[in-house]
């Protein structure tokens, strides 16, 4: 009996070790779900939009789509998308924001949408900095540049906003950290020891000085609304929390998030000298 228990314990320990090794080796496959096919702008039928190549400081040329603002008093949005798909899945959002009169740079990350490079937290931050620099090179002042972070992209947006000046930040379904999300999904695993890409949004949000809009779905089962509320609580300065009580993770736009963003910008953002 004692021998059987020892064998069972050893088997269980071995299986647990195998699970840990797999999580270490494959963790980025759990976090990032890119569509590696290159999207075609012409397929969207968007008038006035054009394709750009954005060069990163580590020498990658990234795909981006740009549509200009109605005039030089309107903001320009750097859109940082979530962990899945590619920018082609966000074309409808780009078009909707442009109808407000806003310009939009829809940036594709490394490893997504036919772009070269290996995806990871630091790489995405480098990509976001390149997108920011591309907008500034168009002559857009920092206070006219807005950040929109979607899901995973909220962590990218917050980190960027602590490194550069922006006019405002809009966060769609922000999480406290990927470590917290991972620990919730794998409570039996020491995620804090194993995770490479942490996206520690809650550890950075207080360093932001730009006005911030936090948008959350009351039925979100991917990023619990309590996490988004914690992000909001940690932000300083001008801030607004918008909750779509019946929305989940992927339907905030259908629930009115774009109009909420427009109202937020109308109230808390203005072009200043």
C-alpha atoms as a PDB file:
ATOM      1  CA  UNK A   1       0.000   0.000   0.000  1.00  0.00           C
ATOM      2  CA  UNK A   2       2.769   2.384   0.970  1.00  0.00           C
ATOM      3  CA  UNK A   3       4.677   1.579  -2.225  1.00  0.00           C
ATOM      4  CA  UNK A   4       1.555   2.241  -4.328  1.00  0.00           C
ATOM      5  CA  UNK A   5       1.088   5.631  -2.680  1.00  0.00           C
ATOM      6  CA  UNK A   6       4.712   6.551  -3.346  1.00  0.00           C
ATOM      7  CA  UNK A   7       4.383   5.520  -6.988  1.00  0.00           C
ATOM      8  CA  UNK A   8       1.160   7.507  -7.358  1.00  0.00           C
ATOM      9  CA  UNK A   9       2.804  10.551  -5.803  1.00  0.00           C
ATOM     10  CA  UNK A  10       5.789  10.261  -8.124  1.00  0.00           C
ATOM     11  CA  UNK A  11       3.521   9.942 -11.170  1.00  0.00           C
ATOM     12  CA  UNK A  12       1.492  12.971 -10.061  1.00  0.00           C
ATOM     13  CA  UNK A  13       4.685  14.961  -9.479  1.00  0.00           C
ATOM     14  CA  UNK A  14       5.976  13.940 -12.897  1.00  0.00           C
ATOM     15  CA  UNK A  15       2.769  14.960 -14.626  1.00  0.00           C
ATOM     16  CA  UNK A  16       2.790  18.293 -12.786  1.00  0.00           C
ATOM     17  CA  UNK A  17       6.374  18.897 -13.872  1.00  0.00           C
ATOM     18  CA  UNK A  18       5.426  18.128 -17.473  1.00  0.00           C
ATOM     19  CA  UNK A  19       2.567  20.639 -17.249  1.00  0.00           C
ATOM     20  CA  UNK A  20       4.932  23.285 -15.865  1.00  0.00           C
ATOM     21  CA  UNK A  21       7.460  22.687 -18.647  1.00  0.00           C
ATOM     22  CA  UNK A  22       4.739  22.925 -21.288  1.00  0.00           C
ATOM     23  CA  UNK A  23       3.442  26.173 -19.812  1.00  0.00           C
ATOM     24  CA  UNK A  24       6.950  27.631 -19.800  1.00  0.00           C
ATOM     25  CA  UNK A  25       7.651  26.611 -23.389  1.00  0.00           C
ATOM     26  CA  UNK A  26       4.218  27.391 -24.822  1.00  0.00           C
ATOM     27  CA  UNK A  27       3.118  30.348 -22.684  1.00  0.00           C
ATOM     28  CA  UNK A  28       3.194  32.810 -25.568  1.00  0.00           C
ATOM     29  CA  UNK A  29       0.849  30.570 -27.518  1.00  0.00           C
ATOM     30  CA  UNK A  30      -1.650  30.995 -24.701  1.00  0.00           C
ATOM     31  CA  UNK A  31      -1.234  34.793 -24.620  1.00  0.00           C
ATOM     32  CA  UNK A  32      -0.852  35.685 -28.297  1.00  0.00           C
ATOM     33  CA  UNK A  33      -3.191  34.338 -30.994  1.00  0.00           C
ATOM     34  CA  UNK A  34      -2.080  36.157 -34.136  1.00  0.00           C
ATOM     35  CA  UNK A  35      -3.527  35.815 -37.589  1.00  0.00           C
ATOM     36  CA  UNK A  36      -0.290  35.790 -39.581  1.00  0.00           C
ATOM     37  CA  UNK A  37      -1.953  36.476 -42.927  1.00  0.00           C
ATOM     38  CA  UNK A  38      -1.455  39.968 -44.296  1.00  0.00           C
ATOM     39  CA  UNK A  39      -4.762  41.866 -44.400  1.00  0.00           C
ATOM     40  CA  UNK A  40      -5.584  43.884 -47.507  1.00  0.00           C
ATOM     41  CA  UNK A  41      -6.738  47.467 -47.030  1.00  0.00           C
ATOM     42  CA  UNK A  42      -8.540  47.486 -50.378  1.00  0.00           C
ATOM     43  CA  UNK A  43     -10.849  44.749 -49.095  1.00  0.00           C
ATOM     44  CA  UNK A  44     -12.217  47.123 -46.434  1.00  0.00           C
ATOM     45  CA  UNK A  45     -13.425  49.669 -48.989  1.00  0.00           C
ATOM     46  CA  UNK A  46     -12.364  52.496 -46.669  1.00  0.00           C
ATOM     47  CA  UNK A  47     -12.148  55.788 -48.510  1.00  0.00           C
ATOM     48  CA  UNK A  48      -9.193  58.013 -47.655  1.00  0.00           C
ATOM     49  CA  UNK A  49      -7.177  55.343 -45.847  1.00  0.00           C
ATOM     50  CA  UNK A  50      -3.689  54.355 -46.920  1.00  0.00           C
ATOM     51  CA  UNK A  51      -1.155  51.702 -46.062  1.00  0.00           C
ATOM     52  CA  UNK A  52       2.055  52.664 -44.287  1.00  0.00           C
ATOM     53  CA  UNK A  53       5.286  50.941 -43.343  1.00  0.00           C
ATOM     54  CA  UNK A  54       6.400  51.820 -39.819  1.00  0.00           C
ATOM     55  CA  UNK A  55      10.065  51.224 -38.952  1.00  0.00           C
ATOM     56  CA  UNK A  56      10.909  50.123 -35.401  1.00  0.00           C
ATOM     57  CA  UNK A  57      14.136  50.963 -33.599  1.00  0.00           C
ATOM     58  CA  UNK A  58      15.216  47.321 -33.877  1.00  0.00           C
ATOM     59  CA  UNK A  59      14.876  47.415 -37.652  1.00  0.00           C
ATOM     60  CA  UNK A  60      11.480  45.867 -38.392  1.00  0.00           C
ATOM     61  CA  UNK A  61       9.108  47.280 -41.004  1.00  0.00           C
ATOM     62  CA  UNK A  62       5.557  46.961 -39.701  1.00  0.00           C
ATOM     63  CA  UNK A  63       2.292  47.188 -41.577  1.00  0.00           C
ATOM     64  CA  UNK A  64      -0.036  50.013 -40.522  1.00  0.00           C
ATOM     65  CA  UNK A  65      -3.183  51.618 -41.916  1.00  0.00           C
ATOM     66  CA  UNK A  66      -3.728  55.356 -41.600  1.00  0.00           C
ATOM     67  CA  UNK A  67      -6.723  57.576 -42.182  1.00  0.00           C
ATOM     68  CA  UNK A  68      -6.222  61.323 -41.612  1.00  0.00           C
ATOM     69  CA  UNK A  69      -8.301  63.567 -39.337  1.00  0.00           C
ATOM     70  CA  UNK A  70     -10.881  65.956 -40.716  1.00  0.00           C
ATOM     71  CA  UNK A  71      -8.624  68.915 -39.882  1.00  0.00           C
ATOM     72  CA  UNK A  72      -5.670  69.885 -37.705  1.00  0.00           C
ATOM     73  CA  UNK A  73      -7.833  70.582 -34.654  1.00  0.00           C
ATOM     74  CA  UNK A  74      -8.972  66.954 -34.439  1.00  0.00           C
ATOM     75  CA  UNK A  75      -7.116  64.207 -32.572  1.00  0.00           C
ATOM     76  CA  UNK A  76      -5.249  61.281 -34.087  1.00  0.00           C
ATOM     77  CA  UNK A  77      -5.673  57.868 -32.451  1.00  0.00           C
ATOM     78  CA  UNK A  78      -2.907  55.306 -32.182  1.00  0.00           C
ATOM     79  CA  UNK A  79      -4.948  52.101 -32.002  1.00  0.00           C
ATOM     80  CA  UNK A  80      -3.291  49.186 -30.174  1.00  0.00           C
ATOM     81  CA  UNK A  81      -5.337  46.044 -30.667  1.00  0.00           C
ATOM     82  CA  UNK A  82      -5.835  42.895 -28.626  1.00  0.00           C
ATOM     83  CA  UNK A  83      -4.085  39.536 -28.564  1.00  0.00           C
ATOM     84  CA  UNK A  84      -5.852  37.844 -31.491  1.00  0.00           C
ATOM     85  CA  UNK A  85      -6.402  38.293 -35.218  1.00  0.00           C
ATOM     86  CA  UNK A  86      -4.905  41.239 -37.094  1.00  0.00           C
ATOM     87  CA  UNK A  87      -5.713  44.851 -37.952  1.00  0.00           C
ATOM     88  CA  UNK A  88      -8.133  43.765 -40.666  1.00  0.00           C
ATOM     89  CA  UNK A  89     -10.506  42.714 -37.892  1.00  0.00           C
ATOM     90  CA  UNK A  90     -10.483  46.304 -36.573  1.00  0.00           C
ATOM     91  CA  UNK A  91     -11.173  48.151 -39.846  1.00  0.00           C
ATOM     92  CA  UNK A  92     -14.797  48.814 -38.874  1.00  0.00           C
ATOM     93  CA  UNK A  93     -13.627  50.543 -35.698  1.00  0.00           C
ATOM     94  CA  UNK A  94     -11.121  52.613 -37.638  1.00  0.00           C
ATOM     95  CA  UNK A  95     -13.839  53.773 -39.998  1.00  0.00           C
ATOM     96  CA  UNK A  96     -16.217  54.594 -37.123  1.00  0.00           C
ATOM     97  CA  UNK A  97     -13.608  56.679 -35.277  1.00  0.00           C
ATOM     98  CA  UNK A  98     -12.794  58.498 -38.500  1.00  0.00           C
ATOM     99  CA  UNK A  99     -16.473  59.453 -38.865  1.00  0.00           C
ATOM    100  CA  UNK A 100     -16.001  61.467 -35.653  1.00  0.00           C
ATOM    101  CA  UNK A 101     -13.433  63.507 -37.575  1.00  0.00           C
ATOM    102  CA  UNK A 102     -10.533  61.749 -35.836  1.00  0.00           C
ATOM    103  CA  UNK A 103      -7.455  60.431 -37.576  1.00  0.00           C
ATOM    104  CA  UNK A 104      -6.459  56.831 -36.844  1.00  0.00           C
ATOM    105  CA  UNK A 105      -3.217  54.886 -37.157  1.00  0.00           C
ATOM    106  CA  UNK A 106      -4.114  51.214 -36.925  1.00  0.00           C
ATOM    107  CA  UNK A 107      -0.768  49.622 -36.097  1.00  0.00           C
ATOM    108  CA  UNK A 108       0.002  45.970 -36.684  1.00  0.00           C
ATOM    109  CA  UNK A 109       2.315  44.276 -34.193  1.00  0.00           C
ATOM    110  CA  UNK A 110       5.363  42.177 -35.005  1.00  0.00           C
ATOM    111  CA  UNK A 111       4.397  38.571 -35.642  1.00  0.00           C
ATOM    112  CA  UNK A 112       0.846  39.578 -36.635  1.00  0.00           C
ATOM    113  CA  UNK A 113      -0.661  40.281 -40.046  1.00  0.00           C
ATOM    114  CA  UNK A 114       2.319  39.171 -42.095  1.00  0.00           C
ATOM    115  CA  UNK A 115       4.794  41.271 -40.108  1.00  0.00           C
ATOM    116  CA  UNK A 116       8.259  39.922 -39.270  1.00  0.00           C
ATOM    117  CA  UNK A 117       9.525  39.468 -35.736  1.00  0.00           C
ATOM    118  CA  UNK A 118       8.758  37.458 -32.618  1.00  0.00           C
ATOM    119  CA  UNK A 119       5.838  38.636 -30.528  1.00  0.00           C
ATOM    120  CA  UNK A 120       6.413  39.503 -26.848  1.00  0.00           C
ATOM    121  CA  UNK A 121       5.799  42.302 -24.347  1.00  0.00           C
ATOM    122  CA  UNK A 122       8.968  44.289 -24.991  1.00  0.00           C
ATOM    123  CA  UNK A 123       8.557  43.866 -28.734  1.00  0.00           C
ATOM    124  CA  UNK A 124       5.008  45.211 -28.637  1.00  0.00           C
ATOM    125  CA  UNK A 125       6.207  48.186 -26.618  1.00  0.00           C
ATOM    126  CA  UNK A 126       8.853  48.862 -29.270  1.00  0.00           C
ATOM    127  CA  UNK A 127       6.163  48.624 -31.948  1.00  0.00           C
ATOM    128  CA  UNK A 128       3.921  51.086 -30.095  1.00  0.00           C
ATOM    129  CA  UNK A 129       6.801  53.558 -29.769  1.00  0.00           C
ATOM    130  CA  UNK A 130       7.346  53.269 -33.525  1.00  0.00           C
ATOM    131  CA  UNK A 131       3.664  53.951 -34.195  1.00  0.00           C
ATOM    132  CA  UNK A 132       3.787  56.976 -31.912  1.00  0.00           C
ATOM    133  CA  UNK A 133       6.905  58.288 -33.678  1.00  0.00           C
ATOM    134  CA  UNK A 134       5.240  57.810 -37.074  1.00  0.00           C
ATOM    135  CA  UNK A 135       2.291  59.977 -36.037  1.00  0.00           C
ATOM    136  CA  UNK A 136       4.542  62.638 -34.545  1.00  0.00           C
ATOM    137  CA  UNK A 137       6.581  62.666 -37.790  1.00  0.00           C
ATOM    138  CA  UNK A 138       3.386  63.694 -39.597  1.00  0.00           C
ATOM    139  CA  UNK A 139       3.479  66.939 -37.614  1.00  0.00           C
ATOM    140  CA  UNK A 140       0.852  65.893 -35.047  1.00  0.00           C
ATOM    141  CA  UNK A 141       1.499  67.481 -31.656  1.00  0.00           C
ATOM    142  CA  UNK A 142       1.699  65.151 -28.667  1.00  0.00           C
ATOM    143  CA  UNK A 143      -1.448  66.598 -27.114  1.00  0.00           C
ATOM    144  CA  UNK A 144      -3.421  65.733 -30.261  1.00  0.00           C
ATOM    145  CA  UNK A 145      -2.345  62.098 -30.084  1.00  0.00           C
ATOM    146  CA  UNK A 146      -4.744  59.741 -28.319  1.00  0.00           C
ATOM    147  CA  UNK A 147      -4.124  56.121 -27.365  1.00  0.00           C
ATOM    148  CA  UNK A 148      -6.784  53.432 -27.681  1.00  0.00           C
ATOM    149  CA  UNK A 149      -5.852  50.131 -26.071  1.00  0.00           C
ATOM    150  CA  UNK A 150      -8.046  47.105 -26.703  1.00  0.00           C
ATOM    151  CA  UNK A 151      -7.840  44.191 -24.241  1.00  0.00           C
ATOM    152  CA  UNK A 152      -4.176  43.053 -24.316  1.00  0.00           C
ATOM    153  CA  UNK A 153      -3.402  46.380 -25.984  1.00  0.00           C
ATOM    154  CA  UNK A 154      -4.434  48.259 -22.832  1.00  0.00           C
ATOM    155  CA  UNK A 155      -1.193  47.130 -21.217  1.00  0.00           C
ATOM    156  CA  UNK A 156       0.745  48.338 -24.259  1.00  0.00           C
ATOM    157  CA  UNK A 157      -1.087  51.681 -24.186  1.00  0.00           C
ATOM    158  CA  UNK A 158      -0.489  52.298 -20.489  1.00  0.00           C
ATOM    159  CA  UNK A 159       3.207  51.497 -20.751  1.00  0.00           C
ATOM    160  CA  UNK A 160       3.533  53.818 -23.737  1.00  0.00           C
ATOM    161  CA  UNK A 161       1.681  56.607 -21.919  1.00  0.00           C
ATOM    162  CA  UNK A 162       4.245  56.455 -19.095  1.00  0.00           C
ATOM    163  CA  UNK A 163       7.094  56.953 -21.601  1.00  0.00           C
ATOM    164  CA  UNK A 164       5.719  59.666 -23.922  1.00  0.00           C
ATOM    165  CA  UNK A 165       3.271  62.572 -23.813  1.00  0.00           C
ATOM    166  CA  UNK A 166      -0.242  61.989 -25.114  1.00  0.00           C
ATOM    167  CA  UNK A 167      -3.542  63.868 -25.039  1.00  0.00           C
ATOM    168  CA  UNK A 168      -5.680  61.097 -23.524  1.00  0.00           C
ATOM    169  CA  UNK A 169      -5.861  57.320 -23.099  1.00  0.00           C
ATOM    170  CA  UNK A 170      -8.868  55.071 -23.720  1.00  0.00           C
ATOM    171  CA  UNK A 171      -8.728  51.562 -22.268  1.00  0.00           C
ATOM    172  CA  UNK A 172     -11.160  48.905 -23.475  1.00  0.00           C
ATOM    173  CA  UNK A 173     -11.422  45.984 -21.019  1.00  0.00           C
ATOM    174  CA  UNK A 174      -8.157  46.640 -19.142  1.00  0.00           C
ATOM    175  CA  UNK A 175      -6.741  43.970 -16.823  1.00  0.00           C
ATOM    176  CA  UNK A 176      -4.496  44.466 -13.807  1.00  0.00           C
ATOM    177  CA  UNK A 177      -1.743  42.263 -15.234  1.00  0.00           C
ATOM    178  CA  UNK A 178      -1.359  39.201 -17.417  1.00  0.00           C
ATOM    179  CA  UNK A 179       0.135  37.519 -14.357  1.00  0.00           C
ATOM    180  CA  UNK A 180      -3.166  38.011 -12.514  1.00  0.00           C
ATOM    181  CA  UNK A 181      -5.140  36.688 -15.487  1.00  0.00           C
ATOM    182  CA  UNK A 182      -2.825  33.673 -15.713  1.00  0.00           C
ATOM    183  CA  UNK A 183      -3.031  32.943 -12.001  1.00  0.00           C
ATOM    184  CA  UNK A 184      -6.822  33.037 -12.200  1.00  0.00           C
ATOM    185  CA  UNK A 185      -6.846  30.520 -15.057  1.00  0.00           C
ATOM    186  CA  UNK A 186      -4.093  28.279 -13.658  1.00  0.00           C
ATOM    187  CA  UNK A 187      -4.448  28.517  -9.862  1.00  0.00           C
ATOM    188  CA  UNK A 188      -2.292  25.402  -9.356  1.00  0.00           C
ATOM    189  CA  UNK A 189       0.719  26.894 -11.189  1.00  0.00           C
ATOM    190  CA  UNK A 190       3.293  29.388  -9.770  1.00  0.00           C
ATOM    191  CA  UNK A 191       2.596  31.822 -12.606  1.00  0.00           C
ATOM    192  CA  UNK A 192       4.639  34.623 -11.036  1.00  0.00           C
ATOM    193  CA  UNK A 193       7.781  32.480 -11.312  1.00  0.00           C
ATOM    194  CA  UNK A 194       7.217  31.321 -14.875  1.00  0.00           C
ATOM    195  CA  UNK A 195       5.719  34.219 -16.819  1.00  0.00           C
ATOM    196  CA  UNK A 196       7.927  36.188 -19.227  1.00  0.00           C
ATOM    197  CA  UNK A 197       5.374  38.701 -20.527  1.00  0.00           C
ATOM    198  CA  UNK A 198       3.713  40.284 -17.511  1.00  0.00           C
ATOM    199  CA  UNK A 199       2.014  43.410 -18.897  1.00  0.00           C
ATOM    200  CA  UNK A 200       1.901  44.922 -15.408  1.00  0.00           C
ATOM    201  CA  UNK A 201      -0.749  47.525 -16.102  1.00  0.00           C
ATOM    202  CA  UNK A 202      -1.706  48.066 -12.466  1.00  0.00           C
ATOM    203  CA  UNK A 203       1.934  48.726 -11.592  1.00  0.00           C
ATOM    204  CA  UNK A 204       2.169  51.528 -14.157  1.00  0.00           C
ATOM    205  CA  UNK A 205      -1.250  53.194 -14.280  1.00  0.00           C
ATOM    206  CA  UNK A 206      -0.489  55.653 -11.472  1.00  0.00           C
ATOM    207  CA  UNK A 207       2.433  57.046 -13.487  1.00  0.00           C
ATOM    208  CA  UNK A 208       0.116  58.222 -16.267  1.00  0.00           C
ATOM    209  CA  UNK A 209      -0.856  61.868 -16.282  1.00  0.00           C
ATOM    210  CA  UNK A 210      -3.144  61.997 -19.307  1.00  0.00           C
ATOM    211  CA  UNK A 211      -6.942  61.796 -18.860  1.00  0.00           C
ATOM    212  CA  UNK A 212      -8.079  58.174 -18.976  1.00  0.00           C
ATOM    213  CA  UNK A 213     -11.317  56.439 -19.905  1.00  0.00           C
ATOM    214  CA  UNK A 214     -11.782  52.889 -18.616  1.00  0.00           C
ATOM    215  CA  UNK A 215     -14.438  50.827 -20.442  1.00  0.00           C
ATOM    216  CA  UNK A 216     -15.654  47.488 -19.094  1.00  0.00           C
ATOM    217  CA  UNK A 217     -18.329  44.870 -19.699  1.00  0.00           C
ATOM    218  CA  UNK A 218     -20.340  43.700 -16.736  1.00  0.00           C
ATOM    219  CA  UNK A 219     -20.482  40.141 -18.134  1.00  0.00           C
ATOM    220  CA  UNK A 220     -16.849  39.933 -19.226  1.00  0.00           C
ATOM    221  CA  UNK A 221     -15.567  36.420 -18.430  1.00  0.00           C
ATOM    222  CA  UNK A 222     -12.075  37.028 -19.823  1.00  0.00           C
ATOM    223  CA  UNK A 223     -11.169  40.216 -17.957  1.00  0.00           C
ATOM    224  CA  UNK A 224     -13.410  40.434 -14.873  1.00  0.00           C
ATOM    225  CA  UNK A 225     -14.922  43.922 -14.492  1.00  0.00           C
ATOM    226  CA  UNK A 226     -13.426  44.022 -10.998  1.00  0.00           C
ATOM    227  CA  UNK A 227      -9.983  44.132 -12.643  1.00  0.00           C
ATOM    228  CA  UNK A 228     -11.008  47.079 -14.813  1.00  0.00           C
ATOM    229  CA  UNK A 229     -12.353  48.836 -11.727  1.00  0.00           C
ATOM    230  CA  UNK A 230      -9.013  48.277  -9.981  1.00  0.00           C
ATOM    231  CA  UNK A 231      -7.232  49.856 -12.946  1.00  0.00           C
ATOM    232  CA  UNK A 232      -9.585  52.831 -12.761  1.00  0.00           C
ATOM    233  CA  UNK A 233      -9.010  53.178  -9.007  1.00  0.00           C
ATOM    234  CA  UNK A 234      -5.254  53.206  -9.570  1.00  0.00           C
ATOM    235  CA  UNK A 235      -5.348  55.970 -12.178  1.00  0.00           C
ATOM    236  CA  UNK A 236      -4.660  59.549 -11.152  1.00  0.00           C
ATOM    237  CA  UNK A 237      -5.898  62.794 -12.589  1.00  0.00           C
ATOM    238  CA  UNK A 238      -8.965  63.101 -14.812  1.00  0.00           C
ATOM    239  CA  UNK A 239     -10.649  59.759 -15.276  1.00  0.00           C
ATOM    240  CA  UNK A 240     -13.987  58.223 -16.241  1.00  0.00           C
ATOM    241  CA  UNK A 241     -15.290  54.687 -15.718  1.00  0.00           C
ATOM    242  CA  UNK A 242     -17.839  53.449 -18.249  1.00  0.00           C
ATOM    243  CA  UNK A 243     -19.610  50.141 -17.670  1.00  0.00           C
ATOM    244  CA  UNK A 244     -21.834  48.304 -20.157  1.00  0.00           C
ATOM    245  CA  UNK A 245     -23.619  46.090 -17.670  1.00  0.00           C
ATOM    246  CA  UNK A 246     -24.878  43.518 -20.183  1.00  0.00           C
ATOM    247  CA  UNK A 247     -21.762  43.418 -22.379  1.00  0.00           C
ATOM    248  CA  UNK A 248     -18.997  40.833 -22.389  1.00  0.00           C
ATOM    249  CA  UNK A 249     -15.400  41.108 -23.543  1.00  0.00           C
ATOM    250  CA  UNK A 250     -15.796  41.426 -27.301  1.00  0.00           C
ATOM    251  CA  UNK A 251     -18.999  43.424 -27.677  1.00  0.00           C
ATOM    252  CA  UNK A 252     -18.214  46.699 -25.922  1.00  0.00           C
ATOM    253  CA  UNK A 253     -18.305  48.589 -29.216  1.00  0.00           C
ATOM    254  CA  UNK A 254     -21.762  47.186 -29.977  1.00  0.00           C
ATOM    255  CA  UNK A 255     -22.774  48.300 -26.476  1.00  0.00           C
ATOM    256  CA  UNK A 256     -21.754  51.923 -27.164  1.00  0.00           C
ATOM    257  CA  UNK A 257     -18.038  52.167 -26.326  1.00  0.00           C
ATOM    258  CA  UNK A 258     -17.228  54.375 -29.324  1.00  0.00           C
ATOM    259  CA  UNK A 259     -19.878  56.912 -28.355  1.00  0.00           C
ATOM    260  CA  UNK A 260     -18.637  56.795 -24.758  1.00  0.00           C
ATOM    261  CA  UNK A 261     -15.134  57.561 -26.029  1.00  0.00           C
ATOM    262  CA  UNK A 262     -16.417  60.443 -28.123  1.00  0.00           C
ATOM    263  CA  UNK A 263     -18.231  61.953 -25.122  1.00  0.00           C
ATOM    264  CA  UNK A 264     -15.132  61.487 -22.953  1.00  0.00           C
ATOM    265  CA  UNK A 265     -12.879  63.260 -25.458  1.00  0.00           C
ATOM    266  CA  UNK A 266     -15.394  66.085 -25.900  1.00  0.00           C
ATOM    267  CA  UNK A 267     -15.337  66.707 -22.141  1.00  0.00           C
ATOM    268  CA  UNK A 268     -11.757  66.008 -21.096  1.00  0.00           C
ATOM    269  CA  UNK A 269      -9.610  66.709 -24.154  1.00  0.00           C
ATOM    270  CA  UNK A 270      -8.904  69.878 -26.065  1.00  0.00           C
ATOM    271  CA  UNK A 271      -6.141  71.136 -28.328  1.00  0.00           C
ATOM    272  CA  UNK A 272      -3.861  73.413 -26.343  1.00  0.00           C
ATOM    273  CA  UNK A 273      -0.897  75.455 -27.551  1.00  0.00           C
END
